[in-house]
Amino acid sequence: MENSFSLIGMAAKGGWLMIVLALLSVVAIYIFAERLYVINKVFKTDKSFMKDIKDYIYAGKVRSAKALCKRDGTPVARMISRGVDKIDRPSAEIEKAMENVATLEVAKLERRLPFLATIAGGAPMIGFLGTVSGMIKAFFNMAQAGNNIDITLLSSGIYEAMITTVGGLIVGILAYFGYNYLTARVSSVVSRLETASVIFLDIVQTKDDKKVVEQI
C-alpha cells in the first residue's frame, strides 16, 4: 500500500518548532487583515470633501465644516477639523496643529506593523534553528547506530531540518510582502494628508485675501 502525501503529516515531522511557526502565521494573518481593513477605511473619504470644506469656509460656516469633518471620521477629516479649530490663527500655527494631528493619525495606522516586520525577520531564523536541530538529531542517531547505519535513523532529523526551513521561509516571505504592502498603503495615506493640508492652507489664505479685497 502506497503512503499518501499529507501536508499536515509532513508538517508534524518538523517537530515542535512548526507549532511556533504556525502560531506566528496566524498572528501575521490577523495583523495583515486587521490593518488592511483599518487603512482601507481611510480611502473612503468623499471625493467632494475638500470642496465642501472650501465652500463652508468661504461662507463663514465654521460649524458646518466641523460637522462635516465629524461625519467623515477619517484621518484626513480629523486633521482638517483641527485646522478649522485654528482657522483664525496664523497660517504657521494652523499648519503645525494639523501636522501634529497627522503624525498621530499615521502612528495609529502603523500600529502592530513592527510585529509583522518582526515575524518577517524572525520566522526564517526559527526555520534555520530547526535546520540545525534536525541535523544534530540526524548525526546523533548516526553516532548511536555505530556500524549499523540505516537511512531511517537519519530521516527524522533530515525531515525536521528541511520542513522547518521551508515553513520558516514561507511564513517569513508572506509576512515580508504583507508588511511592505501595508507600509506602501500608509505612505499613500501620508500623501493624502499632505495634499489635504496644502489645500486647506490655500483655502485659509484665499479666504484671508478675499477679506482684504472686500475691505479695500
N, C-alpha and C. Protein backbone atom coordinates (compact mmCIF):
# COMPACT_ATOMS: atom_id res chain seq x y z
N MET A 1 0.85 -1.20 0.00
CA MET A 1 0.00 0.00 0.00
C MET A 1 0.88 1.25 0.00
N GLU A 2 0.62 2.17 -0.94
CA GLU A 2 1.44 3.36 -1.07
C GLU A 2 1.08 4.37 0.01
N ASN A 3 2.11 5.02 0.53
CA ASN A 3 1.89 6.08 1.51
C ASN A 3 1.45 7.35 0.80
N SER A 4 0.35 7.96 1.23
CA SER A 4 -0.15 9.18 0.62
C SER A 4 0.58 10.38 1.22
N PHE A 5 0.74 11.40 0.37
CA PHE A 5 1.43 12.62 0.81
C PHE A 5 0.43 13.51 1.53
N SER A 6 0.77 13.94 2.74
CA SER A 6 -0.10 14.79 3.53
C SER A 6 0.70 15.97 4.05
N LEU A 7 0.20 17.17 3.77
CA LEU A 7 0.90 18.36 4.23
C LEU A 7 0.92 18.43 5.76
N ILE A 8 -0.21 18.04 6.38
CA ILE A 8 -0.26 18.05 7.84
C ILE A 8 0.71 17.04 8.42
N GLY A 9 0.75 15.86 7.79
CA GLY A 9 1.67 14.82 8.25
C GLY A 9 3.12 15.25 8.10
N MET A 10 3.42 15.91 6.98
CA MET A 10 4.78 16.39 6.76
C MET A 10 5.13 17.49 7.77
N ALA A 11 4.17 18.38 8.01
CA ALA A 11 4.42 19.47 8.96
C ALA A 11 4.68 18.92 10.35
N ALA A 12 3.97 17.84 10.71
CA ALA A 12 4.15 17.23 12.04
C ALA A 12 5.56 16.70 12.21
N LYS A 13 6.19 16.30 11.11
CA LYS A 13 7.56 15.77 11.19
C LYS A 13 8.57 16.88 11.41
N GLY A 14 8.12 18.13 11.31
CA GLY A 14 9.03 19.25 11.55
C GLY A 14 9.28 19.50 13.02
N GLY A 15 8.54 18.82 13.90
CA GLY A 15 8.78 18.98 15.34
C GLY A 15 8.04 20.17 15.94
N TRP A 16 8.38 20.47 17.20
CA TRP A 16 7.65 21.50 17.94
C TRP A 16 7.85 22.91 17.38
N LEU A 17 8.92 23.13 16.64
CA LEU A 17 9.14 24.45 16.06
C LEU A 17 8.07 24.80 15.02
N MET A 18 7.47 23.76 14.43
CA MET A 18 6.39 24.02 13.47
C MET A 18 5.17 24.61 14.16
N ILE A 19 4.99 24.27 15.44
CA ILE A 19 3.88 24.86 16.20
C ILE A 19 4.12 26.35 16.38
N VAL A 20 5.37 26.71 16.67
CA VAL A 20 5.73 28.12 16.81
C VAL A 20 5.49 28.86 15.50
N LEU A 21 5.90 28.26 14.39
CA LEU A 21 5.72 28.89 13.08
C LEU A 21 4.24 29.00 12.73
N ALA A 22 3.45 28.00 13.11
CA ALA A 22 2.01 28.04 12.85
C ALA A 22 1.37 29.20 13.62
N LEU A 23 1.77 29.38 14.88
CA LEU A 23 1.24 30.48 15.67
C LEU A 23 1.64 31.83 15.08
N LEU A 24 2.88 31.92 14.63
CA LEU A 24 3.34 33.17 14.01
C LEU A 24 2.57 33.47 12.74
N SER A 25 2.25 32.43 11.97
CA SER A 25 1.49 32.64 10.74
C SER A 25 0.08 33.15 11.04
N VAL A 26 -0.54 32.62 12.10
CA VAL A 26 -1.87 33.08 12.49
C VAL A 26 -1.83 34.55 12.92
N VAL A 27 -0.81 34.90 13.71
CA VAL A 27 -0.65 36.29 14.16
C VAL A 27 -0.42 37.21 12.96
N ALA A 28 0.42 36.76 12.02
CA ALA A 28 0.72 37.58 10.84
C ALA A 28 -0.53 37.81 9.99
N ILE A 29 -1.33 36.77 9.81
CA ILE A 29 -2.55 36.90 9.02
C ILE A 29 -3.53 37.85 9.71
N TYR A 30 -3.65 37.74 11.02
CA TYR A 30 -4.55 38.61 11.77
C TYR A 30 -4.12 40.08 11.64
N ILE A 31 -2.82 40.34 11.86
CA ILE A 31 -2.32 41.72 11.79
C ILE A 31 -2.54 42.28 10.39
N PHE A 32 -2.24 41.49 9.36
CA PHE A 32 -2.39 41.97 7.98
C PHE A 32 -3.85 42.30 7.68
N ALA A 33 -4.76 41.40 8.02
CA ALA A 33 -6.18 41.61 7.72
C ALA A 33 -6.74 42.80 8.50
N GLU A 34 -6.39 42.89 9.78
CA GLU A 34 -6.91 43.97 10.62
C GLU A 34 -6.38 45.33 10.17
N ARG A 35 -5.08 45.41 9.89
CA ARG A 35 -4.50 46.69 9.45
C ARG A 35 -4.99 47.07 8.05
N LEU A 36 -5.18 46.09 7.19
CA LEU A 36 -5.66 46.37 5.84
C LEU A 36 -7.07 46.97 5.91
N TYR A 37 -7.89 46.42 6.79
CA TYR A 37 -9.25 46.93 6.96
C TYR A 37 -9.23 48.38 7.46
N VAL A 38 -8.39 48.64 8.46
CA VAL A 38 -8.30 49.99 9.04
C VAL A 38 -7.77 50.98 8.01
N ILE A 39 -6.72 50.60 7.30
CA ILE A 39 -6.10 51.52 6.33
C ILE A 39 -7.03 51.79 5.15
N ASN A 40 -7.73 50.77 4.69
CA ASN A 40 -8.63 50.95 3.55
C ASN A 40 -9.78 51.90 3.87
N LYS A 41 -10.17 51.98 5.15
CA LYS A 41 -11.25 52.89 5.53
C LYS A 41 -10.86 54.35 5.26
N VAL A 42 -9.55 54.61 5.29
CA VAL A 42 -9.07 55.97 5.07
C VAL A 42 -9.41 56.44 3.65
N PHE A 43 -9.42 55.49 2.70
CA PHE A 43 -9.62 55.84 1.30
C PHE A 43 -11.10 55.98 0.94
N LYS A 44 -11.97 55.89 1.95
CA LYS A 44 -13.40 56.04 1.70
C LYS A 44 -13.87 57.49 1.87
N THR A 45 -12.93 58.40 1.99
CA THR A 45 -13.29 59.82 2.11
C THR A 45 -14.06 60.27 0.87
N ASP A 46 -15.13 61.02 1.09
CA ASP A 46 -15.93 61.55 -0.02
C ASP A 46 -15.05 62.43 -0.90
N LYS A 47 -15.14 62.22 -2.21
CA LYS A 47 -14.30 62.97 -3.14
C LYS A 47 -14.59 64.47 -3.09
N SER A 48 -15.81 64.83 -2.69
CA SER A 48 -16.18 66.25 -2.63
C SER A 48 -15.91 66.85 -1.26
N PHE A 49 -15.22 66.10 -0.39
CA PHE A 49 -14.99 66.56 0.99
C PHE A 49 -14.29 67.91 1.04
N MET A 50 -13.15 68.03 0.37
CA MET A 50 -12.38 69.28 0.42
C MET A 50 -13.13 70.42 -0.26
N LYS A 51 -13.89 70.11 -1.30
CA LYS A 51 -14.69 71.14 -1.97
C LYS A 51 -15.76 71.68 -1.02
N ASP A 52 -16.40 70.76 -0.29
CA ASP A 52 -17.43 71.18 0.67
C ASP A 52 -16.82 72.01 1.80
N ILE A 53 -15.64 71.59 2.25
CA ILE A 53 -14.93 72.37 3.28
C ILE A 53 -14.64 73.77 2.77
N LYS A 54 -14.19 73.87 1.54
CA LYS A 54 -13.89 75.17 0.93
C LYS A 54 -15.13 76.05 0.90
N ASP A 55 -16.24 75.46 0.46
CA ASP A 55 -17.49 76.23 0.38
C ASP A 55 -17.93 76.73 1.76
N TYR A 56 -17.82 75.86 2.76
CA TYR A 56 -18.21 76.24 4.12
C TYR A 56 -17.32 77.35 4.67
N ILE A 57 -16.02 77.23 4.45
CA ILE A 57 -15.07 78.22 4.96
C ILE A 57 -15.30 79.57 4.29
N TYR A 58 -15.48 79.56 2.98
CA TYR A 58 -15.73 80.81 2.25
C TYR A 58 -17.02 81.47 2.71
N ALA A 59 -18.01 80.62 3.08
CA ALA A 59 -19.31 81.16 3.52
C ALA A 59 -19.32 81.50 5.01
N GLY A 60 -18.19 81.24 5.68
CA GLY A 60 -18.09 81.53 7.10
C GLY A 60 -18.83 80.53 7.98
N LYS A 61 -19.17 79.36 7.43
CA LYS A 61 -19.92 78.34 8.17
C LYS A 61 -18.94 77.35 8.82
N VAL A 62 -18.27 77.83 9.85
CA VAL A 62 -17.26 77.03 10.53
C VAL A 62 -17.89 75.80 11.20
N ARG A 63 -19.04 75.98 11.82
CA ARG A 63 -19.70 74.86 12.49
C ARG A 63 -20.09 73.76 11.50
N SER A 64 -20.54 74.18 10.33
CA SER A 64 -20.90 73.20 9.30
C SER A 64 -19.66 72.43 8.84
N ALA A 65 -18.53 73.12 8.74
CA ALA A 65 -17.27 72.47 8.36
C ALA A 65 -16.86 71.46 9.42
N LYS A 66 -17.01 71.85 10.70
CA LYS A 66 -16.69 70.93 11.79
C LYS A 66 -17.60 69.71 11.77
N ALA A 67 -18.89 69.93 11.52
CA ALA A 67 -19.85 68.83 11.48
C ALA A 67 -19.53 67.87 10.34
N LEU A 68 -19.12 68.42 9.20
CA LEU A 68 -18.74 67.59 8.06
C LEU A 68 -17.54 66.71 8.39
N CYS A 69 -16.55 67.30 9.06
CA CYS A 69 -15.36 66.55 9.47
C CYS A 69 -15.73 65.41 10.41
N LYS A 70 -16.65 65.69 11.33
CA LYS A 70 -17.07 64.68 12.30
C LYS A 70 -17.80 63.54 11.61
N ARG A 71 -18.64 63.86 10.63
CA ARG A 71 -19.37 62.83 9.90
C ARG A 71 -18.43 61.96 9.08
N ASP A 72 -17.43 62.59 8.47
CA ASP A 72 -16.50 61.83 7.63
C ASP A 72 -15.67 60.87 8.47
N GLY A 73 -15.12 61.34 9.57
CA GLY A 73 -14.44 60.49 10.55
C GLY A 73 -13.15 59.82 10.10
N THR A 74 -12.53 60.28 9.02
CA THR A 74 -11.28 59.72 8.55
C THR A 74 -10.11 60.54 9.09
N PRO A 75 -8.88 60.02 9.00
CA PRO A 75 -7.72 60.79 9.45
C PRO A 75 -7.62 62.15 8.76
N VAL A 76 -7.94 62.20 7.48
CA VAL A 76 -7.91 63.48 6.76
C VAL A 76 -8.90 64.45 7.39
N ALA A 77 -10.11 63.96 7.67
CA ALA A 77 -11.15 64.81 8.26
C ALA A 77 -10.75 65.29 9.65
N ARG A 78 -10.14 64.42 10.45
CA ARG A 78 -9.72 64.82 11.80
C ARG A 78 -8.61 65.86 11.74
N MET A 79 -7.74 65.74 10.74
CA MET A 79 -6.68 66.73 10.58
C MET A 79 -7.27 68.08 10.16
N ILE A 80 -8.20 68.05 9.21
CA ILE A 80 -8.84 69.28 8.74
C ILE A 80 -9.65 69.91 9.86
N SER A 81 -10.29 69.08 10.68
CA SER A 81 -11.08 69.58 11.80
C SER A 81 -10.20 70.40 12.75
N ARG A 82 -8.97 69.91 12.96
CA ARG A 82 -8.05 70.65 13.81
C ARG A 82 -7.67 71.99 13.17
N GLY A 83 -7.53 71.97 11.85
CA GLY A 83 -7.23 73.22 11.15
C GLY A 83 -8.37 74.21 11.24
N VAL A 84 -9.61 73.70 11.18
CA VAL A 84 -10.79 74.56 11.31
C VAL A 84 -10.82 75.19 12.69
N ASP A 85 -10.43 74.42 13.72
CA ASP A 85 -10.38 74.96 15.08
C ASP A 85 -9.45 76.17 15.18
N LYS A 86 -8.39 76.14 14.37
CA LYS A 86 -7.38 77.21 14.43
C LYS A 86 -7.51 78.20 13.28
N ILE A 87 -8.67 78.24 12.66
CA ILE A 87 -8.81 78.98 11.40
C ILE A 87 -8.50 80.47 11.52
N ASP A 88 -8.69 81.04 12.70
CA ASP A 88 -8.41 82.47 12.88
C ASP A 88 -6.99 82.75 13.35
N ARG A 89 -6.19 81.70 13.45
CA ARG A 89 -4.80 81.85 13.88
C ARG A 89 -3.91 82.00 12.65
N PRO A 90 -2.63 82.38 12.85
CA PRO A 90 -1.70 82.49 11.72
C PRO A 90 -1.53 81.15 10.99
N SER A 91 -1.20 81.23 9.72
CA SER A 91 -1.07 80.02 8.90
C SER A 91 -0.06 79.03 9.46
N ALA A 92 1.05 79.54 10.01
CA ALA A 92 2.08 78.67 10.57
C ALA A 92 1.53 77.86 11.74
N GLU A 93 0.70 78.50 12.55
CA GLU A 93 0.12 77.80 13.70
C GLU A 93 -0.89 76.75 13.24
N ILE A 94 -1.66 77.09 12.22
CA ILE A 94 -2.62 76.13 11.66
C ILE A 94 -1.88 74.91 11.10
N GLU A 95 -0.83 75.19 10.35
CA GLU A 95 -0.04 74.11 9.74
C GLU A 95 0.55 73.19 10.80
N LYS A 96 1.09 73.78 11.86
CA LYS A 96 1.70 72.99 12.94
C LYS A 96 0.66 72.13 13.64
N ALA A 97 -0.52 72.69 13.88
CA ALA A 97 -1.58 71.94 14.55
C ALA A 97 -2.02 70.75 13.71
N MET A 98 -2.17 70.96 12.41
CA MET A 98 -2.58 69.86 11.53
C MET A 98 -1.46 68.83 11.39
N GLU A 99 -0.24 69.29 11.38
CA GLU A 99 0.90 68.37 11.30
C GLU A 99 0.95 67.44 12.51
N ASN A 100 0.65 67.98 13.69
CA ASN A 100 0.64 67.15 14.90
C ASN A 100 -0.45 66.08 14.83
N VAL A 101 -1.63 66.48 14.34
CA VAL A 101 -2.72 65.51 14.20
C VAL A 101 -2.36 64.45 13.17
N ALA A 102 -1.76 64.87 12.06
CA ALA A 102 -1.38 63.93 11.01
C ALA A 102 -0.37 62.90 11.53
N THR A 103 0.58 63.37 12.34
CA THR A 103 1.58 62.46 12.91
C THR A 103 0.92 61.40 13.78
N LEU A 104 -0.04 61.82 14.60
CA LEU A 104 -0.75 60.88 15.46
C LEU A 104 -1.58 59.90 14.64
N GLU A 105 -2.21 60.39 13.57
CA GLU A 105 -3.04 59.52 12.73
C GLU A 105 -2.20 58.47 12.02
N VAL A 106 -1.03 58.87 11.53
CA VAL A 106 -0.14 57.91 10.86
C VAL A 106 0.37 56.87 11.86
N ALA A 107 0.67 57.32 13.07
CA ALA A 107 1.13 56.39 14.12
C ALA A 107 0.05 55.35 14.42
N LYS A 108 -1.22 55.77 14.41
CA LYS A 108 -2.32 54.82 14.63
C LYS A 108 -2.38 53.79 13.52
N LEU A 109 -2.19 54.24 12.28
CA LEU A 109 -2.25 53.32 11.14
C LEU A 109 -1.08 52.33 11.16
N GLU A 110 0.05 52.76 11.68
CA GLU A 110 1.25 51.91 11.70
C GLU A 110 1.29 50.97 12.91
N ARG A 111 0.26 51.05 13.76
CA ARG A 111 0.21 50.20 14.94
C ARG A 111 0.24 48.72 14.52
N ARG A 112 1.04 47.94 15.22
CA ARG A 112 1.21 46.49 15.01
C ARG A 112 2.08 46.14 13.79
N LEU A 113 2.37 47.10 12.93
CA LEU A 113 3.23 46.80 11.79
C LEU A 113 4.64 46.34 12.21
N PRO A 114 5.21 46.91 13.30
CA PRO A 114 6.51 46.39 13.74
C PRO A 114 6.47 44.89 14.10
N PHE A 115 5.33 44.42 14.63
CA PHE A 115 5.20 42.99 14.93
C PHE A 115 5.26 42.17 13.65
N LEU A 116 4.60 42.68 12.59
CA LEU A 116 4.62 41.98 11.31
C LEU A 116 6.03 41.94 10.74
N ALA A 117 6.76 43.04 10.90
CA ALA A 117 8.15 43.08 10.43
C ALA A 117 9.02 42.10 11.22
N THR A 118 8.74 41.99 12.52
CA THR A 118 9.49 41.05 13.37
C THR A 118 9.25 39.61 12.93
N ILE A 119 7.99 39.30 12.60
CA ILE A 119 7.68 37.95 12.13
C ILE A 119 8.38 37.68 10.80
N ALA A 120 8.39 38.69 9.93
CA ALA A 120 9.05 38.52 8.63
C ALA A 120 10.53 38.19 8.78
N GLY A 121 11.17 38.80 9.78
CA GLY A 121 12.60 38.54 10.00
C GLY A 121 12.85 37.34 10.89
N GLY A 122 11.94 37.10 11.85
CA GLY A 122 12.17 36.04 12.82
C GLY A 122 11.79 34.65 12.36
N ALA A 123 10.75 34.53 11.53
CA ALA A 123 10.29 33.21 11.10
C ALA A 123 11.38 32.41 10.36
N PRO A 124 12.10 33.01 9.39
CA PRO A 124 13.18 32.25 8.74
C PRO A 124 14.27 31.83 9.72
N MET A 125 14.55 32.67 10.72
CA MET A 125 15.57 32.31 11.71
C MET A 125 15.12 31.10 12.54
N ILE A 126 13.82 31.07 12.87
CA ILE A 126 13.30 29.90 13.59
C ILE A 126 13.40 28.67 12.69
N GLY A 127 13.14 28.85 11.40
CA GLY A 127 13.29 27.74 10.46
C GLY A 127 14.72 27.23 10.40
N PHE A 128 15.68 28.15 10.39
CA PHE A 128 17.09 27.73 10.36
C PHE A 128 17.49 27.06 11.67
N LEU A 129 16.87 27.50 12.78
CA LEU A 129 17.11 26.83 14.05
C LEU A 129 16.65 25.38 13.96
N GLY A 130 15.51 25.15 13.31
CA GLY A 130 15.04 23.79 13.09
C GLY A 130 15.98 23.00 12.21
N THR A 131 16.60 23.68 11.25
CA THR A 131 17.58 23.01 10.39
C THR A 131 18.76 22.49 11.20
N VAL A 132 19.27 23.34 12.07
CA VAL A 132 20.41 22.96 12.90
C VAL A 132 20.05 21.84 13.85
N SER A 133 18.88 21.99 14.53
CA SER A 133 18.50 20.95 15.50
C SER A 133 18.21 19.64 14.80
N GLY A 134 17.63 19.71 13.59
CA GLY A 134 17.36 18.49 12.84
C GLY A 134 18.64 17.77 12.43
N MET A 135 19.62 18.52 11.98
CA MET A 135 20.89 17.89 11.57
C MET A 135 21.64 17.34 12.77
N ILE A 136 21.54 18.02 13.92
CA ILE A 136 22.15 17.48 15.14
C ILE A 136 21.52 16.15 15.49
N LYS A 137 20.18 16.09 15.38
CA LYS A 137 19.48 14.84 15.68
C LYS A 137 19.91 13.74 14.72
N ALA A 138 20.06 14.08 13.44
CA ALA A 138 20.45 13.09 12.44
C ALA A 138 21.85 12.54 12.73
N PHE A 139 22.80 13.43 13.05
CA PHE A 139 24.17 12.98 13.33
C PHE A 139 24.24 12.22 14.65
N PHE A 140 23.40 12.62 15.62
CA PHE A 140 23.37 11.90 16.89
C PHE A 140 22.88 10.46 16.68
N ASN A 141 21.82 10.30 15.89
CA ASN A 141 21.31 8.97 15.60
C ASN A 141 22.34 8.14 14.83
N MET A 142 23.08 8.79 13.96
CA MET A 142 24.11 8.09 13.20
C MET A 142 25.23 7.60 14.13
N ALA A 143 25.61 8.45 15.07
CA ALA A 143 26.67 8.08 16.00
C ALA A 143 26.22 6.96 16.92
N GLN A 144 24.96 6.99 17.33
CA GLN A 144 24.43 5.95 18.21
C GLN A 144 24.33 4.61 17.51
N ALA A 145 24.11 4.63 16.19
CA ALA A 145 23.95 3.38 15.45
C ALA A 145 25.27 2.66 15.22
N GLY A 146 26.37 3.36 15.31
CA GLY A 146 27.68 2.73 15.10
C GLY A 146 27.82 2.26 13.66
N ASN A 147 28.10 0.95 13.51
CA ASN A 147 28.28 0.39 12.16
C ASN A 147 26.96 -0.02 11.52
N ASN A 148 25.88 0.01 12.32
CA ASN A 148 24.57 -0.42 11.79
C ASN A 148 23.75 0.80 11.33
N ILE A 149 24.34 1.57 10.46
CA ILE A 149 23.68 2.79 9.99
C ILE A 149 22.57 2.43 9.02
N ASP A 150 21.40 3.00 9.30
CA ASP A 150 20.23 2.80 8.44
C ASP A 150 19.67 4.18 8.08
N ILE A 151 19.26 4.34 6.84
CA ILE A 151 18.76 5.64 6.39
C ILE A 151 17.57 6.11 7.20
N THR A 152 16.80 5.14 7.72
CA THR A 152 15.62 5.52 8.51
C THR A 152 16.03 6.22 9.81
N LEU A 153 17.24 5.94 10.29
CA LEU A 153 17.71 6.61 11.50
C LEU A 153 17.95 8.10 11.25
N LEU A 154 18.28 8.42 10.00
CA LEU A 154 18.58 9.80 9.66
C LEU A 154 17.35 10.58 9.20
N SER A 155 16.33 9.86 8.77
CA SER A 155 15.19 10.51 8.12
C SER A 155 14.47 11.51 9.02
N SER A 156 14.27 11.16 10.30
CA SER A 156 13.52 12.05 11.18
C SER A 156 14.24 13.39 11.35
N GLY A 157 15.57 13.33 11.53
CA GLY A 157 16.34 14.56 11.69
C GLY A 157 16.37 15.38 10.42
N ILE A 158 16.49 14.70 9.27
CA ILE A 158 16.52 15.42 7.99
C ILE A 158 15.16 16.04 7.69
N TYR A 159 14.10 15.28 7.99
CA TYR A 159 12.75 15.82 7.83
C TYR A 159 12.60 17.12 8.62
N GLU A 160 13.00 17.07 9.89
CA GLU A 160 12.87 18.24 10.76
C GLU A 160 13.67 19.41 10.20
N ALA A 161 14.86 19.13 9.71
CA ALA A 161 15.72 20.18 9.17
C ALA A 161 15.10 20.85 7.95
N MET A 162 14.63 20.04 7.02
CA MET A 162 14.12 20.58 5.77
C MET A 162 12.75 21.24 5.94
N ILE A 163 11.86 20.59 6.68
CA ILE A 163 10.49 21.09 6.81
C ILE A 163 10.45 22.40 7.58
N THR A 164 11.21 22.51 8.66
CA THR A 164 11.21 23.76 9.42
C THR A 164 11.81 24.90 8.60
N THR A 165 12.79 24.58 7.76
CA THR A 165 13.37 25.60 6.89
C THR A 165 12.32 26.13 5.92
N VAL A 166 11.62 25.20 5.27
CA VAL A 166 10.58 25.60 4.32
C VAL A 166 9.47 26.37 5.04
N GLY A 167 9.04 25.86 6.20
CA GLY A 167 7.98 26.54 6.96
C GLY A 167 8.37 27.95 7.37
N GLY A 168 9.59 28.11 7.86
CA GLY A 168 10.06 29.42 8.27
C GLY A 168 10.14 30.40 7.11
N LEU A 169 10.60 29.91 5.95
CA LEU A 169 10.71 30.77 4.78
C LEU A 169 9.33 31.18 4.26
N ILE A 170 8.39 30.25 4.26
CA ILE A 170 7.03 30.58 3.78
C ILE A 170 6.40 31.66 4.66
N VAL A 171 6.45 31.45 5.98
CA VAL A 171 5.87 32.43 6.90
C VAL A 171 6.58 33.78 6.78
N GLY A 172 7.91 33.73 6.71
CA GLY A 172 8.69 34.96 6.62
C GLY A 172 8.43 35.73 5.34
N ILE A 173 8.36 35.02 4.22
CA ILE A 173 8.14 35.68 2.92
C ILE A 173 6.76 36.32 2.87
N LEU A 174 5.74 35.59 3.32
CA LEU A 174 4.39 36.13 3.31
C LEU A 174 4.27 37.37 4.22
N ALA A 175 4.89 37.28 5.40
CA ALA A 175 4.85 38.42 6.33
C ALA A 175 5.61 39.62 5.74
N TYR A 176 6.70 39.33 5.05
CA TYR A 176 7.51 40.39 4.45
C TYR A 176 6.73 41.14 3.37
N PHE A 177 6.09 40.39 2.48
CA PHE A 177 5.30 41.03 1.43
C PHE A 177 4.10 41.77 2.02
N GLY A 178 3.48 41.16 3.03
CA GLY A 178 2.36 41.82 3.69
C GLY A 178 2.77 43.13 4.34
N TYR A 179 3.91 43.13 5.01
CA TYR A 179 4.42 44.33 5.66
C TYR A 179 4.70 45.42 4.64
N ASN A 180 5.37 45.07 3.56
CA ASN A 180 5.70 46.07 2.54
C ASN A 180 4.45 46.63 1.87
N TYR A 181 3.44 45.78 1.67
CA TYR A 181 2.21 46.26 1.06
C TYR A 181 1.51 47.27 1.98
N LEU A 182 1.46 46.93 3.27
CA LEU A 182 0.79 47.82 4.22
C LEU A 182 1.54 49.14 4.38
N THR A 183 2.86 49.09 4.41
CA THR A 183 3.63 50.33 4.53
C THR A 183 3.45 51.20 3.29
N ALA A 184 3.28 50.56 2.13
CA ALA A 184 3.02 51.33 0.91
C ALA A 184 1.66 52.01 0.99
N ARG A 185 0.67 51.31 1.56
CA ARG A 185 -0.65 51.91 1.74
C ARG A 185 -0.61 53.08 2.72
N VAL A 186 0.17 52.91 3.79
CA VAL A 186 0.32 54.00 4.76
C VAL A 186 0.98 55.22 4.10
N SER A 187 1.95 54.96 3.24
CA SER A 187 2.61 56.05 2.52
C SER A 187 1.61 56.82 1.65
N SER A 188 0.66 56.07 1.08
CA SER A 188 -0.38 56.72 0.28
C SER A 188 -1.26 57.61 1.16
N VAL A 189 -1.52 57.14 2.38
CA VAL A 189 -2.31 57.94 3.32
C VAL A 189 -1.56 59.21 3.68
N VAL A 190 -0.25 59.09 3.90
CA VAL A 190 0.57 60.26 4.22
C VAL A 190 0.49 61.29 3.09
N SER A 191 0.52 60.79 1.85
CA SER A 191 0.41 61.70 0.70
C SER A 191 -0.94 62.40 0.68
N ARG A 192 -1.99 61.67 1.05
CA ARG A 192 -3.32 62.28 1.11
C ARG A 192 -3.38 63.36 2.19
N LEU A 193 -2.80 63.06 3.33
CA LEU A 193 -2.79 64.03 4.42
C LEU A 193 -2.03 65.30 4.01
N GLU A 194 -0.89 65.12 3.37
CA GLU A 194 -0.09 66.26 2.94
C GLU A 194 -0.84 67.09 1.91
N THR A 195 -1.48 66.41 0.97
CA THR A 195 -2.24 67.12 -0.07
C THR A 195 -3.40 67.90 0.54
N ALA A 196 -4.14 67.25 1.44
CA ALA A 196 -5.28 67.91 2.09
C ALA A 196 -4.82 69.11 2.91
N SER A 197 -3.66 68.98 3.57
CA SER A 197 -3.13 70.08 4.37
C SER A 197 -2.80 71.28 3.50
N VAL A 198 -2.16 71.04 2.36
CA VAL A 198 -1.80 72.12 1.44
C VAL A 198 -3.06 72.81 0.91
N ILE A 199 -4.05 71.99 0.54
CA ILE A 199 -5.30 72.55 0.02
C ILE A 199 -5.99 73.41 1.07
N PHE A 200 -6.04 72.91 2.32
CA PHE A 200 -6.72 73.66 3.37
C PHE A 200 -6.01 74.97 3.66
N LEU A 201 -4.69 74.94 3.73
CA LEU A 201 -3.94 76.17 3.96
C LEU A 201 -4.17 77.17 2.84
N ASP A 202 -4.29 76.66 1.62
CA ASP A 202 -4.57 77.54 0.49
C ASP A 202 -5.97 78.14 0.62
N ILE A 203 -6.92 77.35 1.10
CA ILE A 203 -8.28 77.84 1.32
C ILE A 203 -8.28 78.97 2.35
N VAL A 204 -7.55 78.74 3.46
CA VAL A 204 -7.48 79.75 4.52
C VAL A 204 -6.84 81.03 4.01
N GLN A 205 -5.74 80.87 3.26
CA GLN A 205 -5.05 82.05 2.73
C GLN A 205 -5.92 82.80 1.74
N THR A 206 -6.63 82.05 0.90
CA THR A 206 -7.52 82.68 -0.08
C THR A 206 -8.66 83.41 0.62
N LYS A 207 -9.15 82.79 1.69
CA LYS A 207 -10.23 83.42 2.48
C LYS A 207 -9.75 84.76 3.05
N ASP A 208 -8.55 84.74 3.59
CA ASP A 208 -7.98 85.99 4.15
C ASP A 208 -7.77 87.03 3.07
N ASP A 209 -7.32 86.60 1.89
CA ASP A 209 -7.11 87.54 0.78
C ASP A 209 -8.43 88.16 0.33
N LYS A 210 -9.49 87.35 0.34
CA LYS A 210 -10.80 87.87 -0.05
C LYS A 210 -11.29 88.92 0.94
N LYS A 211 -11.00 88.70 2.22
CA LYS A 211 -11.40 89.68 3.23
C LYS A 211 -10.68 91.01 3.01
N VAL A 212 -9.40 90.92 2.66
CA VAL A 212 -8.62 92.14 2.42
C VAL A 212 -9.19 92.90 1.24
N VAL A 213 -9.54 92.16 0.16
CA VAL A 213 -10.09 92.78 -1.03
C VAL A 213 -11.43 93.45 -0.71
N GLU A 214 -12.25 92.78 0.08
CA GLU A 214 -13.56 93.32 0.44
C GLU A 214 -13.41 94.60 1.28
N GLN A 215 -12.39 94.64 2.15
CA GLN A 215 -12.17 95.82 2.98
C GLN A 215 -11.71 97.01 2.13
N ILE A 216 -10.93 96.73 1.10
CA ILE A 216 -10.46 97.80 0.19
C ILE A 216 -11.63 98.36 -0.62
